[in-house]
Amino acid sequence: MQSIFYVEITDTYGEDANYSWVKRFKVHASSALGAIRKVSMETGLNFRKEWDSGDLTRYDSTRCAVCAFLSGYEDQAEHYLGVKSL
């Protein structure tokens, strides 16, 4: 069964998310790992899991100062502009 995930990718400054730019994705996948793999294929970036708080998971890029936040897709995410569906 497919679930819908919301993924934000942004730059980092030090180890903190900076948000000087952001890319947003609505991803249909069977698991969180499947969602991050789809985003990796779309962006050309590889990610490794840094932490998981239950509702939000952070992944850091293995090659550059970029991180991704993955969560369940909520209807309030619809108001963001430029959410790409994968």
C-alpha atoms as a PDB file:
ATOM      1  CA  MET A   1       0.000   0.000   0.000  1.00  0.00           C
ATOM      2  CA  GLN A   2       1.322   3.396  -0.978  1.00  0.00           C
ATOM      3  CA  SER A   3       1.632   6.215   1.533  1.00  0.00           C
ATOM      4  CA  ILE A   4       2.188   9.902   0.830  1.00  0.00           C
ATOM      5  CA  PHE A   5       5.273  11.605   2.251  1.00  0.00           C
ATOM      6  CA  TYR A   6       6.310  15.250   2.359  1.00  0.00           C
ATOM      7  CA  VAL A   7      10.014  15.967   1.789  1.00  0.00           C
ATOM      8  CA  GLU A   8      11.815  19.319   2.077  1.00  0.00           C
ATOM      9  CA  ILE A   9      15.392  19.677   0.877  1.00  0.00           C
ATOM     10  CA  THR A  10      17.428  22.718   1.921  1.00  0.00           C
ATOM     11  CA  ASP A  11      20.993  23.868   2.438  1.00  0.00           C
ATOM     12  CA  THR A  12      22.782  23.729   5.765  1.00  0.00           C
ATOM     13  CA  TYR A  13      25.028  26.164   7.591  1.00  0.00           C
ATOM     14  CA  GLY A  14      27.178  24.302  10.058  1.00  0.00           C
ATOM     15  CA  GLU A  15      24.868  21.463  10.972  1.00  0.00           C
ATOM     16  CA  ASP A  16      21.655  23.517  11.016  1.00  0.00           C
ATOM     17  CA  ALA A  17      19.093  23.783   8.226  1.00  0.00           C
ATOM     18  CA  ASN A  18      19.541  27.212   6.633  1.00  0.00           C
ATOM     19  CA  TYR A  19      16.552  27.565   4.255  1.00  0.00           C
ATOM     20  CA  SER A  20      18.254  30.066   1.939  1.00  0.00           C
ATOM     21  CA  TRP A  21      16.636  27.858  -0.712  1.00  0.00           C
ATOM     22  CA  VAL A  22      14.208  24.939  -0.457  1.00  0.00           C
ATOM     23  CA  LYS A  23      12.777  22.238  -2.727  1.00  0.00           C
ATOM     24  CA  ARG A  24       9.557  20.512  -1.702  1.00  0.00           C
ATOM     25  CA  PHE A  25       8.233  17.126  -2.808  1.00  0.00           C
ATOM     26  CA  LYS A  26       5.022  15.164  -2.362  1.00  0.00           C
ATOM     27  CA  VAL A  27       6.134  11.533  -2.721  1.00  0.00           C
ATOM     28  CA  HIS A  28       4.003   8.421  -3.169  1.00  0.00           C
ATOM     29  CA  ALA A  29       5.950   5.430  -1.821  1.00  0.00           C
ATOM     30  CA  SER A  30       5.440   2.269   0.208  1.00  0.00           C
ATOM     31  CA  SER A  31       7.913   3.356   2.922  1.00  0.00           C
ATOM     32  CA  ALA A  32       9.982   6.307   4.115  1.00  0.00           C
ATOM     33  CA  LEU A  33      13.082   4.674   2.642  1.00  0.00           C
ATOM     34  CA  GLY A  34      11.306   4.323  -0.705  1.00  0.00           C
ATOM     35  CA  ALA A  35      10.348   8.006  -0.568  1.00  0.00           C
ATOM     36  CA  ILE A  36      13.896   9.170   0.120  1.00  0.00           C
ATOM     37  CA  ARG A  37      15.164   6.926  -2.700  1.00  0.00           C
ATOM     38  CA  LYS A  38      12.735   8.566  -5.150  1.00  0.00           C
ATOM     39  CA  VAL A  39      13.908  12.012  -4.040  1.00  0.00           C
ATOM     40  CA  SER A  40      17.542  10.882  -4.371  1.00  0.00           C
ATOM     41  CA  MET A  41      16.915   9.757  -7.950  1.00  0.00           C
ATOM     42  CA  GLU A  42      15.186  13.055  -8.763  1.00  0.00           C
ATOM     43  CA  THR A  43      17.885  15.286  -7.254  1.00  0.00           C
ATOM     44  CA  GLY A  44      21.017  13.202  -7.850  1.00  0.00           C
ATOM     45  CA  LEU A  45      21.896  13.453  -4.144  1.00  0.00           C
ATOM     46  CA  ASN A  46      22.538  10.562  -1.761  1.00  0.00           C
ATOM     47  CA  PHE A  47      21.243  10.796   1.795  1.00  0.00           C
ATOM     48  CA  ARG A  48      21.888   9.056   5.107  1.00  0.00           C
ATOM     49  CA  LYS A  49      19.546   9.156   8.092  1.00  0.00           C
ATOM     50  CA  GLU A  50      20.692  11.484  10.886  1.00  0.00           C
ATOM     51  CA  TRP A  51      17.771  11.275  13.304  1.00  0.00           C
ATOM     52  CA  ASP A  52      14.152  10.228  13.602  1.00  0.00           C
ATOM     53  CA  SER A  53      11.771  11.861  16.090  1.00  0.00           C
ATOM     54  CA  GLY A  54       8.776   9.760  15.069  1.00  0.00           C
ATOM     55  CA  ASP A  55       6.948  12.507  13.173  1.00  0.00           C
ATOM     56  CA  LEU A  56       9.979  13.962  11.404  1.00  0.00           C
ATOM     57  CA  THR A  57      13.121  12.321  10.018  1.00  0.00           C
ATOM     58  CA  ARG A  58      16.259  14.191   8.967  1.00  0.00           C
ATOM     59  CA  TYR A  59      18.570  12.923   6.251  1.00  0.00           C
ATOM     60  CA  ASP A  60      21.911  14.553   5.411  1.00  0.00           C
ATOM     61  CA  SER A  61      23.513  14.508   1.987  1.00  0.00           C
ATOM     62  CA  THR A  62      26.694  12.469   1.777  1.00  0.00           C
ATOM     63  CA  ARG A  63      28.295  14.877  -0.722  1.00  0.00           C
ATOM     64  CA  CYS A  64      27.333  18.449   0.088  1.00  0.00           C
ATOM     65  CA  ALA A  65      25.857  20.779   2.707  1.00  0.00           C
ATOM     66  CA  VAL A  66      22.250  19.773   2.118  1.00  0.00           C
ATOM     67  CA  CYS A  67      19.666  18.065   4.308  1.00  0.00           C
ATOM     68  CA  ALA A  68      16.203  16.607   3.774  1.00  0.00           C
ATOM     69  CA  PHE A  69      13.286  16.441   6.183  1.00  0.00           C
ATOM     70  CA  LEU A  70      10.728  13.690   5.675  1.00  0.00           C
ATOM     71  CA  SER A  71       7.298  13.515   7.301  1.00  0.00           C
ATOM     72  CA  GLY A  72       3.814  12.241   6.589  1.00  0.00           C
ATOM     73  CA  TYR A  73       1.960  14.385   4.072  1.00  0.00           C
ATOM     74  CA  GLU A  74      -0.582  16.699   5.664  1.00  0.00           C
ATOM     75  CA  ASP A  75      -3.207  18.717   3.837  1.00  0.00           C
ATOM     76  CA  GLN A  76      -1.711  21.964   5.154  1.00  0.00           C
ATOM     77  CA  ALA A  77       1.373  21.318   2.978  1.00  0.00           C
ATOM     78  CA  GLU A  78      -0.861  22.093  -0.027  1.00  0.00           C
ATOM     79  CA  HIS A  79      -0.461  25.848   0.550  1.00  0.00           C
ATOM     80  CA  TYR A  80       3.284  25.738  -0.271  1.00  0.00           C
ATOM     81  CA  LEU A  81       4.231  26.817  -3.766  1.00  0.00           C
ATOM     82  CA  GLY A  82       6.336  24.584  -5.965  1.00  0.00           C
ATOM     83  CA  VAL A  83       5.621  21.209  -4.352  1.00  0.00           C
ATOM     84  CA  LYS A  84       6.686  18.664  -6.966  1.00  0.00           C
ATOM     85  CA  SER A  85       4.818  15.359  -6.988  1.00  0.00           C
ATOM     86  CA  LEU A  86       6.878  12.179  -7.426  1.00  0.00           C
END
